[in-house]
């Protein structure tokens, strides 16, 4: 008489390890694609940085190296001591911060009107905002120049601030509207039941929950205005002291050639404010908007 052999069932830990390995294998192509994307995206930045650290002889060598064999800060000193460095830095910062603050204030009011109120023409307004967001602003370069020329608004930082404000406003309105729609209106209604007026309920309840949306839109607006070149190069013609940093970068090109080391050093310095702002706002931008606000 033969007895059947009963195999023990796999342990729960073994099943978990098997599922984990299977999941890792399925995600391997995605991970490889992500690594390739990061490498392709980061390589130009890396090459800019090492070029800024290389001596001119290494930059012009026929055998380029992927590491700065003899690092130097001479190109950074050349960029910092270039004529107008502090002035152009101040101009870019003034124009960018002014445009971002104006865009946030106006977009917050517009998003509240669109997301929390019902009024005639609301759908048409949203459609116009979406249309303005999709429009290529570079196509408006010549009309904007003609308007600025006829209105005597050339060579003024206030003109650039206004243009950057209009450029970032549609995206800010659309984004804040999405963030506001994700916040339950019942929170404001509960605050009004407890005695708050509608503005007070918005300021005390909804506005703090909008912090990730405000930070993400301000980051986008900062990057857009900080990097803009076409309008700054077209509308600032005669006043050299009213130019911005992107236009200043072209000053390293002259009839004798391009000082690539100083240009890359200047581009690195130009990138630092955006990098610092992104690192400071990264956690708040990616955090949940209403996590823990509603239970049950």
Protein backbone atom coordinates (compact mmCIF):
# COMPACT_ATOMS: atom_id res chain seq x y z
CA UNK A 1 0.00 0.00 0.00
CA UNK A 2 1.53 3.27 -1.08
CA UNK A 3 1.06 6.43 0.85
CA UNK A 4 0.65 9.76 -0.95
CA UNK A 5 3.34 12.30 -0.31
CA UNK A 6 1.93 15.63 0.79
CA UNK A 7 4.12 18.59 -0.10
CA UNK A 8 4.04 21.43 2.35
CA UNK A 9 2.56 24.67 1.08
CA UNK A 10 5.03 27.45 0.37
CA UNK A 11 5.66 29.69 3.30
CA UNK A 12 4.05 33.16 3.17
CA UNK A 13 7.49 34.76 3.16
CA UNK A 14 8.52 32.70 0.12
CA UNK A 15 5.34 33.68 -1.74
CA UNK A 16 6.00 37.33 -0.96
CA UNK A 17 9.58 37.07 -2.23
CA UNK A 18 8.39 35.38 -5.41
CA UNK A 19 5.83 38.09 -6.08
CA UNK A 20 8.42 40.76 -5.39
CA UNK A 21 10.89 39.23 -7.90
CA UNK A 22 8.14 38.90 -10.49
CA UNK A 23 7.13 42.52 -9.98
CA UNK A 24 10.75 43.64 -10.27
CA UNK A 25 11.19 41.76 -13.55
CA UNK A 26 8.04 43.34 -14.98
CA UNK A 27 9.22 46.80 -14.00
CA UNK A 28 12.76 46.30 -15.31
CA UNK A 29 12.05 47.76 -18.80
CA UNK A 30 10.41 50.80 -17.24
CA UNK A 31 13.33 51.30 -14.88
CA UNK A 32 15.81 51.03 -17.74
CA UNK A 33 13.81 53.51 -19.80
CA UNK A 34 13.72 55.89 -16.83
CA UNK A 35 17.48 55.62 -16.33
CA UNK A 36 18.07 56.27 -20.04
CA UNK A 37 15.81 59.33 -19.92
CA UNK A 38 17.61 60.69 -16.87
CA UNK A 39 21.00 60.12 -18.51
CA UNK A 40 20.01 61.84 -21.76
CA UNK A 41 18.47 64.75 -19.86
CA UNK A 42 21.29 65.21 -17.35
CA UNK A 43 24.23 64.81 -19.75
CA UNK A 44 24.03 68.36 -21.25
CA UNK A 45 23.96 69.83 -17.75
CA UNK A 46 26.90 67.67 -16.73
CA UNK A 47 28.85 68.67 -19.85
CA UNK A 48 28.11 72.34 -19.17
CA UNK A 49 29.43 72.03 -15.62
CA UNK A 50 32.66 70.20 -16.49
CA UNK A 51 33.30 72.60 -19.38
CA UNK A 52 33.03 75.50 -16.94
CA UNK A 53 35.64 73.79 -14.75
CA UNK A 54 38.09 72.96 -17.55
CA UNK A 55 40.96 75.23 -18.61
CA UNK A 56 40.68 76.74 -22.07
CA UNK A 57 43.38 74.43 -23.41
CA UNK A 58 41.36 71.36 -22.37
CA UNK A 59 38.17 72.79 -23.85
CA UNK A 60 39.84 73.33 -27.23
CA UNK A 61 41.62 69.97 -27.19
CA UNK A 62 41.00 67.49 -30.02
CA UNK A 63 40.57 64.73 -27.42
CA UNK A 64 37.80 65.84 -25.04
CA UNK A 65 37.63 64.25 -21.61
CA UNK A 66 34.51 63.49 -19.61
CA UNK A 67 36.19 64.59 -16.38
CA UNK A 68 37.89 67.91 -15.59
CA UNK A 69 41.50 66.73 -15.27
CA UNK A 70 42.77 70.16 -14.21
CA UNK A 71 39.73 71.93 -12.66
CA UNK A 72 39.83 75.69 -12.41
CA UNK A 73 37.47 78.47 -11.30
CA UNK A 74 38.95 81.05 -13.67
CA UNK A 75 35.92 80.95 -15.97
CA UNK A 76 33.58 81.64 -13.04
CA UNK A 77 35.70 84.64 -12.06
CA UNK A 78 35.51 85.87 -15.65
CA UNK A 79 31.72 85.54 -15.65
CA UNK A 80 31.23 87.21 -12.27
CA UNK A 81 33.53 90.14 -13.12
CA UNK A 82 31.96 90.68 -16.54
CA UNK A 83 30.45 94.10 -17.15
CA UNK A 84 26.90 94.36 -15.83
CA UNK A 85 26.75 90.96 -14.14
CA UNK A 86 25.09 92.26 -10.95
CA UNK A 87 22.79 94.59 -12.92
CA UNK A 88 21.53 91.88 -15.24
CA UNK A 89 21.07 89.50 -12.32
CA UNK A 90 18.97 92.11 -10.51
CA UNK A 91 16.93 92.81 -13.64
CA UNK A 92 16.07 89.14 -14.16
CA UNK A 93 15.15 88.66 -10.52
CA UNK A 94 12.97 91.77 -10.45
CA UNK A 95 11.11 90.90 -13.65
CA UNK A 96 10.64 87.25 -12.70
CA UNK A 97 9.40 87.82 -9.15
CA UNK A 98 7.09 90.62 -10.26
CA UNK A 99 5.52 88.47 -12.98
CA UNK A 100 5.11 85.45 -10.68
CA UNK A 101 3.49 87.43 -7.85
CA UNK A 102 1.07 89.20 -10.19
CA UNK A 103 0.19 85.92 -11.88
CA UNK A 104 -0.50 84.17 -8.56
CA UNK A 105 -2.77 86.92 -7.26
CA UNK A 106 -4.84 87.28 -10.42
CA UNK A 107 -4.95 83.53 -11.12
CA UNK A 108 -6.07 82.74 -7.57
CA UNK A 109 -9.02 85.11 -7.86
CA UNK A 110 -9.87 83.80 -11.34
CA UNK A 111 -9.62 80.16 -10.24
CA UNK A 112 -11.92 80.82 -7.29
CA UNK A 113 -14.45 82.56 -9.53
CA UNK A 114 -14.37 79.67 -12.01
CA UNK A 115 -14.22 76.82 -9.51
CA UNK A 116 -16.57 78.02 -6.77
CA UNK A 117 -19.05 80.35 -8.48
CA UNK A 118 -21.68 79.95 -11.18
CA UNK A 119 -22.07 82.88 -13.55
CA UNK A 120 -22.99 83.49 -17.16
CA UNK A 121 -20.06 83.12 -19.54
CA UNK A 122 -18.03 80.91 -17.21
CA UNK A 123 -17.58 78.13 -19.79
CA UNK A 124 -16.58 80.63 -22.47
CA UNK A 125 -14.05 82.14 -20.09
CA UNK A 126 -12.50 78.73 -19.36
CA UNK A 127 -12.34 78.01 -23.10
CA UNK A 128 -10.55 81.31 -23.73
CA UNK A 129 -8.05 80.55 -20.97
CA UNK A 130 -7.32 77.13 -22.47
CA UNK A 131 -6.92 78.72 -25.90
CA UNK A 132 -4.50 81.30 -24.55
CA UNK A 133 -2.49 78.55 -22.87
CA UNK A 134 -2.16 76.59 -26.11
CA UNK A 135 -1.20 79.62 -28.20
CA UNK A 136 2.51 79.89 -29.10
CA UNK A 137 3.62 83.17 -27.56
CA UNK A 138 6.57 83.42 -29.94
CA UNK A 139 4.06 83.98 -32.75
CA UNK A 140 3.02 87.19 -30.98
CA UNK A 141 6.56 88.57 -30.87
CA UNK A 142 6.13 91.00 -33.78
CA UNK A 143 2.64 92.24 -32.76
CA UNK A 144 3.85 92.78 -29.19
CA UNK A 145 6.88 94.68 -30.48
CA UNK A 146 4.67 96.93 -32.62
CA UNK A 147 2.33 97.63 -29.70
CA UNK A 148 5.23 98.35 -27.35
CA UNK A 149 6.84 100.65 -29.91
CA UNK A 150 3.65 102.62 -30.54
CA UNK A 151 2.94 102.86 -26.79
CA UNK A 152 6.51 103.99 -26.02
CA UNK A 153 7.12 100.91 -23.85
CA UNK A 154 10.37 99.68 -25.36
CA UNK A 155 13.51 99.40 -23.20
CA UNK A 156 11.50 99.08 -19.99
CA UNK A 157 11.58 96.28 -17.43
CA UNK A 158 7.93 96.92 -16.64
CA UNK A 159 7.08 95.86 -20.21
CA UNK A 160 8.90 92.55 -19.75
CA UNK A 161 7.18 92.03 -16.40
CA UNK A 162 3.78 92.55 -18.01
CA UNK A 163 4.55 90.17 -20.88
CA UNK A 164 5.83 87.43 -18.57
CA UNK A 165 2.74 87.91 -16.41
CA UNK A 166 0.47 87.39 -19.43
CA UNK A 167 2.56 84.40 -20.55
CA UNK A 168 2.28 82.52 -17.27
CA UNK A 169 -1.25 83.58 -16.33
CA UNK A 170 -3.25 81.03 -18.43
CA UNK A 171 -1.29 78.05 -17.10
CA UNK A 172 -1.58 79.35 -13.54
CA UNK A 173 -5.35 79.77 -13.83
CA UNK A 174 -5.85 76.28 -15.28
CA UNK A 175 -3.59 74.64 -12.71
CA UNK A 176 -5.07 76.42 -9.69
CA UNK A 177 -8.56 75.61 -10.94
CA UNK A 178 -7.63 71.91 -10.92
CA UNK A 179 -6.19 72.11 -7.42
CA UNK A 180 -9.23 74.03 -6.18
CA UNK A 181 -11.63 71.50 -7.70
CA UNK A 182 -9.85 68.72 -5.76
CA UNK A 183 -10.58 70.43 -2.42
CA UNK A 184 -14.06 69.45 -1.13
CA UNK A 185 -16.40 72.40 -0.98
CA UNK A 186 -17.90 70.81 2.15
CA UNK A 187 -14.89 72.05 4.10
CA UNK A 188 -15.81 75.64 3.36
CA UNK A 189 -19.48 74.96 4.07
CA UNK A 190 -18.59 73.42 7.44
CA UNK A 191 -16.53 76.49 8.29
CA UNK A 192 -19.45 78.76 7.36
CA UNK A 193 -21.73 76.72 9.61
CA UNK A 194 -19.27 77.33 12.44
CA UNK A 195 -19.58 81.09 11.91
CA UNK A 196 -17.04 81.99 9.23
CA UNK A 197 -17.96 84.20 6.34
CA UNK A 198 -17.21 82.95 2.83
CA UNK A 199 -13.97 84.94 2.51
CA UNK A 200 -12.89 83.80 5.97
CA UNK A 201 -13.65 80.16 5.11
CA UNK A 202 -11.58 80.44 1.96
CA UNK A 203 -8.68 82.15 3.74
CA UNK A 204 -8.59 79.80 6.75
CA UNK A 205 -9.55 76.47 5.15
CA UNK A 206 -9.07 76.43 1.38
CA UNK A 207 -6.07 78.71 1.01
CA UNK A 208 -3.73 76.58 3.19
CA UNK A 209 -4.77 73.46 1.25
CA UNK A 210 -3.88 75.27 -1.98
CA UNK A 211 -0.23 75.60 -0.93
CA UNK A 212 1.04 72.78 -3.22
CA UNK A 213 -0.80 74.29 -6.18
CA UNK A 214 0.52 77.77 -5.47
CA UNK A 215 4.06 76.49 -5.13
CA UNK A 216 3.98 74.35 -8.28
CA UNK A 217 2.53 77.16 -10.40
CA UNK A 218 4.98 79.67 -8.97
CA UNK A 219 7.82 77.28 -9.81
CA UNK A 220 6.61 76.98 -13.40
CA UNK A 221 6.19 80.74 -13.70
CA UNK A 222 9.63 81.36 -12.22
CA UNK A 223 11.31 78.98 -14.67
CA UNK A 224 9.38 80.37 -17.65
CA UNK A 225 10.15 84.01 -16.89
CA UNK A 226 13.73 83.36 -15.77
CA UNK A 227 14.68 81.51 -18.97
CA UNK A 228 12.81 83.71 -21.48
CA UNK A 229 15.05 85.16 -24.19
CA UNK A 230 13.08 86.17 -27.30
CA UNK A 231 10.99 89.01 -25.82
CA UNK A 232 13.87 90.29 -23.68
CA UNK A 233 16.16 90.40 -26.71
CA UNK A 234 13.55 92.09 -28.92
CA UNK A 235 11.98 94.67 -26.60
CA UNK A 236 15.17 95.86 -24.87
CA UNK A 237 17.05 97.56 -27.70
CA UNK A 238 19.08 100.59 -26.65
CA UNK A 239 19.25 100.38 -22.86
CA UNK A 240 22.06 97.95 -22.10
CA UNK A 241 21.44 98.27 -18.34
CA UNK A 242 17.87 96.93 -18.79
CA UNK A 243 18.88 93.57 -20.26
CA UNK A 244 18.28 90.29 -18.49
CA UNK A 245 20.53 87.31 -17.81
CA UNK A 246 19.56 85.21 -20.89
CA UNK A 247 20.51 88.13 -23.13
CA UNK A 248 23.66 88.72 -21.09
CA UNK A 249 24.87 85.21 -21.91
CA UNK A 250 25.27 86.21 -25.54
CA UNK A 251 27.84 88.86 -24.56
CA UNK A 252 30.55 86.19 -24.44
CA UNK A 253 30.37 85.84 -28.22
CA UNK A 254 32.37 88.42 -30.13
CA UNK A 255 34.26 88.85 -33.39
CA UNK A 256 37.16 86.84 -31.96
CA UNK A 257 35.00 83.80 -31.18
CA UNK A 258 33.16 82.42 -28.21
CA UNK A 259 34.70 82.05 -24.77
CA UNK A 260 33.10 78.66 -24.12
CA UNK A 261 34.51 78.34 -20.63
CA UNK A 262 33.09 81.67 -19.49
CA UNK A 263 29.84 80.98 -21.31
CA UNK A 264 29.39 77.64 -19.56
CA UNK A 265 30.31 79.18 -16.22
CA UNK A 266 27.77 81.94 -16.77
CA UNK A 267 25.14 79.37 -17.76
CA UNK A 268 25.89 77.42 -14.56
CA UNK A 269 25.43 80.55 -12.46
CA UNK A 270 22.27 81.30 -14.41
CA UNK A 271 20.91 77.83 -13.59
CA UNK A 272 21.57 78.00 -9.84
CA UNK A 273 18.51 80.10 -8.78
CA UNK A 274 16.10 77.75 -10.57
CA UNK A 275 17.81 74.73 -9.03
CA UNK A 276 17.67 76.23 -5.54
CA UNK A 277 13.99 77.16 -5.89
CA UNK A 278 13.16 73.67 -7.15
CA UNK A 279 15.02 71.97 -4.29
CA UNK A 280 13.29 74.18 -1.73
CA UNK A 281 9.79 73.60 -3.13
CA UNK A 282 10.12 69.98 -4.25
CA UNK A 283 8.62 68.33 -1.16
CA UNK A 284 5.70 70.74 -0.91
CA UNK A 285 4.93 70.51 -4.61
CA UNK A 286 4.74 66.72 -4.55
CA UNK A 287 2.89 66.44 -1.24
CA UNK A 288 -0.81 65.64 -1.13
CA UNK A 289 -3.15 68.59 -1.14
CA UNK A 290 -5.91 67.36 1.13
CA UNK A 291 -4.20 64.44 2.84
CA UNK A 292 -5.92 63.95 6.17
CA UNK A 293 -8.37 66.81 5.59
CA UNK A 294 -11.40 64.54 5.20
CA UNK A 295 -11.87 61.37 7.22
CA UNK A 296 -14.48 58.71 6.84
